[in-house]
N, C-alpha and C. Protein backbone atom coordinates (compact mmCIF):
# COMPACT_ATOMS: atom_id res chain seq x y z
N MET A 1 121.66 88.06 130.04
CA MET A 1 121.02 87.84 131.46
C MET A 1 119.71 87.50 131.41
N GLU A 2 118.89 88.03 130.49
CA GLU A 2 117.44 87.62 130.52
C GLU A 2 117.08 86.24 130.33
N PHE A 3 117.81 85.61 129.44
CA PHE A 3 117.80 84.01 129.40
C PHE A 3 117.94 83.40 130.68
N LEU A 4 119.08 83.78 131.44
CA LEU A 4 119.19 83.15 132.83
C LEU A 4 118.19 83.48 133.63
N PHE A 5 117.71 84.73 133.80
CA PHE A 5 116.66 85.08 134.76
C PHE A 5 115.37 84.40 134.41
N THR A 6 115.09 84.21 133.08
CA THR A 6 113.87 83.48 132.74
C THR A 6 113.95 82.12 133.15
N HIS A 7 114.89 81.33 132.90
CA HIS A 7 115.02 79.83 132.95
C HIS A 7 115.43 79.34 134.27
N LEU A 8 116.25 80.21 135.06
CA LEU A 8 116.74 79.71 136.44
C LEU A 8 115.74 80.24 137.63
N GLN A 9 115.90 79.39 138.57
CA GLN A 9 115.13 79.64 139.85
C GLN A 9 115.32 81.15 140.38
N PRO A 10 114.30 81.76 140.78
CA PRO A 10 114.55 83.08 141.34
C PRO A 10 115.57 83.12 142.50
N GLY A 11 116.51 84.02 142.46
CA GLY A 11 117.49 84.12 143.43
C GLY A 11 118.62 83.24 143.31
N SER A 12 118.67 82.33 142.40
CA SER A 12 119.77 81.49 142.11
C SER A 12 120.96 81.97 141.37
N VAL A 13 120.86 83.02 140.64
CA VAL A 13 121.87 83.68 139.89
C VAL A 13 121.80 85.11 140.25
N VAL A 14 123.06 85.61 140.53
CA VAL A 14 123.27 86.98 140.97
C VAL A 14 124.29 87.61 140.15
N PRO A 15 124.03 88.60 139.38
CA PRO A 15 125.10 89.23 138.51
C PRO A 15 125.97 90.18 139.42
N PHE A 16 127.28 89.84 139.46
CA PHE A 16 128.14 90.76 140.32
C PHE A 16 128.81 91.93 139.48
N TYR A 17 129.06 91.70 138.28
CA TYR A 17 129.68 92.64 137.36
C TYR A 17 129.25 92.39 135.92
N CYS A 18 128.94 93.40 135.26
CA CYS A 18 128.54 93.36 133.78
C CYS A 18 128.98 94.66 133.24
N ASP A 19 129.61 94.43 132.05
CA ASP A 19 129.78 95.63 131.12
C ASP A 19 129.56 95.30 129.71
N THR A 20 130.04 95.98 128.79
CA THR A 20 129.55 95.67 127.40
C THR A 20 130.02 94.38 126.80
N ASP A 21 131.10 93.78 127.44
CA ASP A 21 131.58 92.59 126.84
C ASP A 21 131.99 91.41 127.96
N SER A 22 131.40 91.65 129.03
CA SER A 22 131.78 90.52 130.06
C SER A 22 130.66 90.58 131.19
N MET A 23 130.62 89.66 132.05
CA MET A 23 129.71 89.54 133.19
C MET A 23 130.38 88.53 134.07
N PHE A 24 130.09 88.69 135.38
CA PHE A 24 130.45 87.74 136.32
C PHE A 24 129.29 87.52 137.19
N VAL A 25 128.82 86.33 137.36
CA VAL A 25 127.62 85.82 138.11
C VAL A 25 128.02 84.79 139.19
N GLY A 26 127.19 84.88 140.26
CA GLY A 26 127.30 83.94 141.32
C GLY A 26 126.04 83.04 141.19
N LEU A 27 126.37 81.76 141.35
CA LEU A 27 125.21 80.76 141.35
C LEU A 27 125.06 80.08 142.58
N THR A 28 123.84 79.48 142.91
CA THR A 28 123.56 78.75 144.08
C THR A 28 123.37 77.37 143.78
N ASN A 29 123.55 76.34 144.63
CA ASN A 29 123.02 75.03 144.50
C ASN A 29 123.72 74.15 143.33
N SER A 30 124.95 74.44 142.98
CA SER A 30 125.52 73.71 141.84
C SER A 30 126.13 72.42 142.41
N ARG A 31 126.33 71.49 141.44
CA ARG A 31 126.94 70.18 141.69
C ARG A 31 128.51 70.31 141.65
N PRO A 32 129.24 69.42 142.27
CA PRO A 32 130.59 69.56 142.20
C PRO A 32 131.24 69.21 140.81
N ARG A 33 132.35 69.90 140.50
CA ARG A 33 132.97 69.69 139.12
C ARG A 33 134.33 69.19 139.32
N THR A 34 134.82 68.38 138.33
CA THR A 34 136.10 67.95 138.40
C THR A 34 136.88 68.32 137.17
N GLU A 35 138.23 68.21 137.22
CA GLU A 35 139.13 68.55 136.13
C GLU A 35 138.72 67.74 134.81
N ASP A 36 138.41 66.42 134.99
CA ASP A 36 138.15 65.57 133.99
C ASP A 36 136.99 65.76 133.17
N MET A 37 136.05 66.42 133.77
CA MET A 37 134.75 66.72 133.15
C MET A 37 134.86 67.66 131.70
N THR A 38 134.09 67.36 130.79
CA THR A 38 134.03 68.32 129.49
C THR A 38 133.48 69.58 129.86
N THR A 39 133.57 70.42 128.99
CA THR A 39 133.02 71.83 129.21
C THR A 39 131.52 71.70 129.42
N GLU A 40 130.87 70.93 128.65
CA GLU A 40 129.25 70.73 128.65
C GLU A 40 129.03 70.14 130.11
N GLU A 41 129.71 69.26 130.56
CA GLU A 41 129.55 68.52 131.89
C GLU A 41 129.72 69.58 132.96
N LYS A 42 130.66 70.42 132.87
CA LYS A 42 130.93 71.42 133.91
C LYS A 42 129.75 72.46 133.97
N LEU A 43 129.38 72.76 132.58
CA LEU A 43 128.22 73.60 132.68
C LEU A 43 126.91 73.14 133.23
N ARG A 44 126.65 71.96 132.78
CA ARG A 44 125.38 71.19 133.38
C ARG A 44 125.55 71.13 134.83
N ALA A 45 126.61 70.71 135.56
CA ALA A 45 126.90 70.74 136.99
C ALA A 45 126.58 72.12 137.55
N LEU A 46 126.88 73.21 136.98
CA LEU A 46 126.55 74.55 137.48
C LEU A 46 125.05 74.89 137.25
N TYR A 47 124.48 74.62 136.08
CA TYR A 47 123.19 75.25 135.70
C TYR A 47 121.96 74.28 135.92
N ASP A 48 122.24 72.99 135.62
CA ASP A 48 120.99 72.05 135.73
C ASP A 48 120.32 72.02 137.08
N PRO A 49 121.03 72.08 138.26
CA PRO A 49 120.43 71.99 139.48
C PRO A 49 119.51 73.24 139.77
N ILE A 50 119.72 74.39 139.09
CA ILE A 50 118.90 75.57 139.27
C ILE A 50 117.85 75.89 138.17
N VAL A 51 117.75 75.16 137.29
CA VAL A 51 116.75 75.45 136.17
C VAL A 51 115.36 75.28 136.77
N ARG A 52 114.36 76.16 136.40
CA ARG A 52 113.05 76.04 136.95
C ARG A 52 112.37 74.85 136.34
N PRO A 53 111.72 73.99 137.18
CA PRO A 53 111.06 72.81 136.58
C PRO A 53 110.10 73.12 135.38
N ASP A 54 109.43 74.17 135.46
CA ASP A 54 108.63 74.47 134.39
C ASP A 54 109.20 75.12 133.04
N MET A 55 110.48 75.12 133.15
CA MET A 55 111.32 75.61 132.04
C MET A 55 112.29 74.64 131.57
N LYS A 56 112.37 73.39 132.10
CA LYS A 56 113.19 72.38 131.69
C LYS A 56 113.41 72.24 130.20
N ASP A 57 112.24 72.05 129.60
CA ASP A 57 112.13 71.76 128.09
C ASP A 57 112.71 72.92 127.31
N SER A 58 112.38 74.14 127.70
CA SER A 58 112.85 75.27 127.03
C SER A 58 114.37 75.50 127.23
N TRP A 59 114.89 75.20 128.38
CA TRP A 59 116.31 75.22 128.68
C TRP A 59 117.12 74.13 127.79
N GLU A 60 116.49 72.96 127.78
CA GLU A 60 117.16 72.00 127.04
C GLU A 60 117.27 72.26 125.52
N SER A 61 116.19 73.00 125.07
CA SER A 61 116.27 73.13 123.65
C SER A 61 117.09 74.57 123.25
N LYS A 62 117.45 75.25 124.29
CA LYS A 62 118.12 76.61 123.87
C LYS A 62 119.55 76.92 124.60
N TRP A 63 119.74 76.02 125.56
CA TRP A 63 120.86 76.51 126.38
C TRP A 63 122.24 76.37 125.55
N LYS A 64 122.38 75.65 124.67
CA LYS A 64 123.59 75.49 123.90
C LYS A 64 123.67 76.68 122.85
N ASP A 65 122.56 77.37 122.65
CA ASP A 65 122.66 78.52 121.85
C ASP A 65 123.23 79.71 122.58
N TRP A 66 123.42 79.62 123.89
CA TRP A 66 123.76 80.79 124.76
C TRP A 66 125.03 80.40 125.44
N PHE A 67 125.44 79.38 125.46
CA PHE A 67 126.85 78.97 126.13
C PHE A 67 127.91 78.20 125.18
N VAL A 68 129.04 78.50 125.29
CA VAL A 68 130.04 77.65 124.59
C VAL A 68 130.03 76.31 125.33
N THR A 69 129.79 75.22 124.69
CA THR A 69 129.75 74.01 125.31
C THR A 69 130.80 73.02 124.82
N THR A 70 131.68 73.28 123.83
CA THR A 70 132.59 72.56 123.24
C THR A 70 133.89 73.22 123.13
N ASP A 71 135.01 72.53 122.76
CA ASP A 71 136.33 73.23 122.59
C ASP A 71 136.50 73.59 121.03
N SER A 72 135.47 73.32 120.23
CA SER A 72 135.62 73.67 118.77
C SER A 72 135.83 75.15 118.61
N VAL A 73 136.55 75.65 117.64
CA VAL A 73 136.81 76.98 117.39
C VAL A 73 135.56 77.69 116.90
N HIS A 74 134.63 77.06 116.25
CA HIS A 74 133.42 77.66 115.65
C HIS A 74 132.43 77.83 116.83
N ASP A 75 132.52 77.09 117.87
CA ASP A 75 131.67 77.28 119.09
C ASP A 75 132.21 78.50 119.95
N GLN A 76 133.49 78.38 120.11
CA GLN A 76 134.22 79.41 120.73
C GLN A 76 134.12 80.79 120.43
N ARG A 77 134.13 80.91 119.09
CA ARG A 77 134.13 82.25 118.31
C ARG A 77 132.75 82.77 118.04
N LYS A 78 131.78 81.90 118.28
CA LYS A 78 130.33 82.42 117.68
C LYS A 78 129.97 83.64 118.72
N PRO A 79 129.64 84.69 118.01
CA PRO A 79 129.31 85.99 118.70
C PRO A 79 127.87 85.66 119.57
N GLY A 80 127.91 86.39 120.71
CA GLY A 80 126.64 86.25 121.49
C GLY A 80 126.66 85.07 122.48
N LYS A 81 127.52 84.16 122.39
CA LYS A 81 127.56 82.90 123.27
C LYS A 81 128.34 83.49 124.59
N LEU A 82 127.85 82.97 125.81
CA LEU A 82 128.55 83.19 126.95
C LEU A 82 129.67 82.35 127.11
N LYS A 83 130.84 82.86 127.18
CA LYS A 83 132.11 82.02 127.23
C LYS A 83 132.75 82.41 128.58
N GLY A 84 133.40 81.58 129.14
CA GLY A 84 133.96 81.88 130.42
C GLY A 84 134.95 80.92 131.06
N ILE A 85 135.32 81.27 132.22
CA ILE A 85 136.09 80.44 133.03
C ILE A 85 135.39 80.16 134.38
N MET A 86 135.19 78.97 134.64
CA MET A 86 134.30 78.62 135.73
C MET A 86 135.17 78.25 137.07
N HIS A 87 135.19 79.21 137.86
CA HIS A 87 135.92 79.26 139.13
C HIS A 87 135.01 78.89 140.28
N ARG A 88 135.45 78.16 141.26
CA ARG A 88 134.92 77.91 142.52
C ARG A 88 135.32 79.09 143.50
N VAL A 89 134.49 79.64 144.21
CA VAL A 89 134.94 80.58 145.34
C VAL A 89 134.63 80.00 146.72
């Protein structure tokens, strides 16, 4: 969560539920997503619009270390990466 709070605009991410192995967050100001988008494109649609301008370079260099961005088994099974289902509410 600290990575998100450091890199995203204040108030743009709200944790709704967290425990030892999961979290559910609400985001503001995301772009629309479609079924034909890749996992990375969907994540970019969610997060890129709310990255702090002064943290863009840091975000670009680190965000793939924090999120599963591909369908590869290695990426999906890497400990510590945020994996998830991206639903619209």
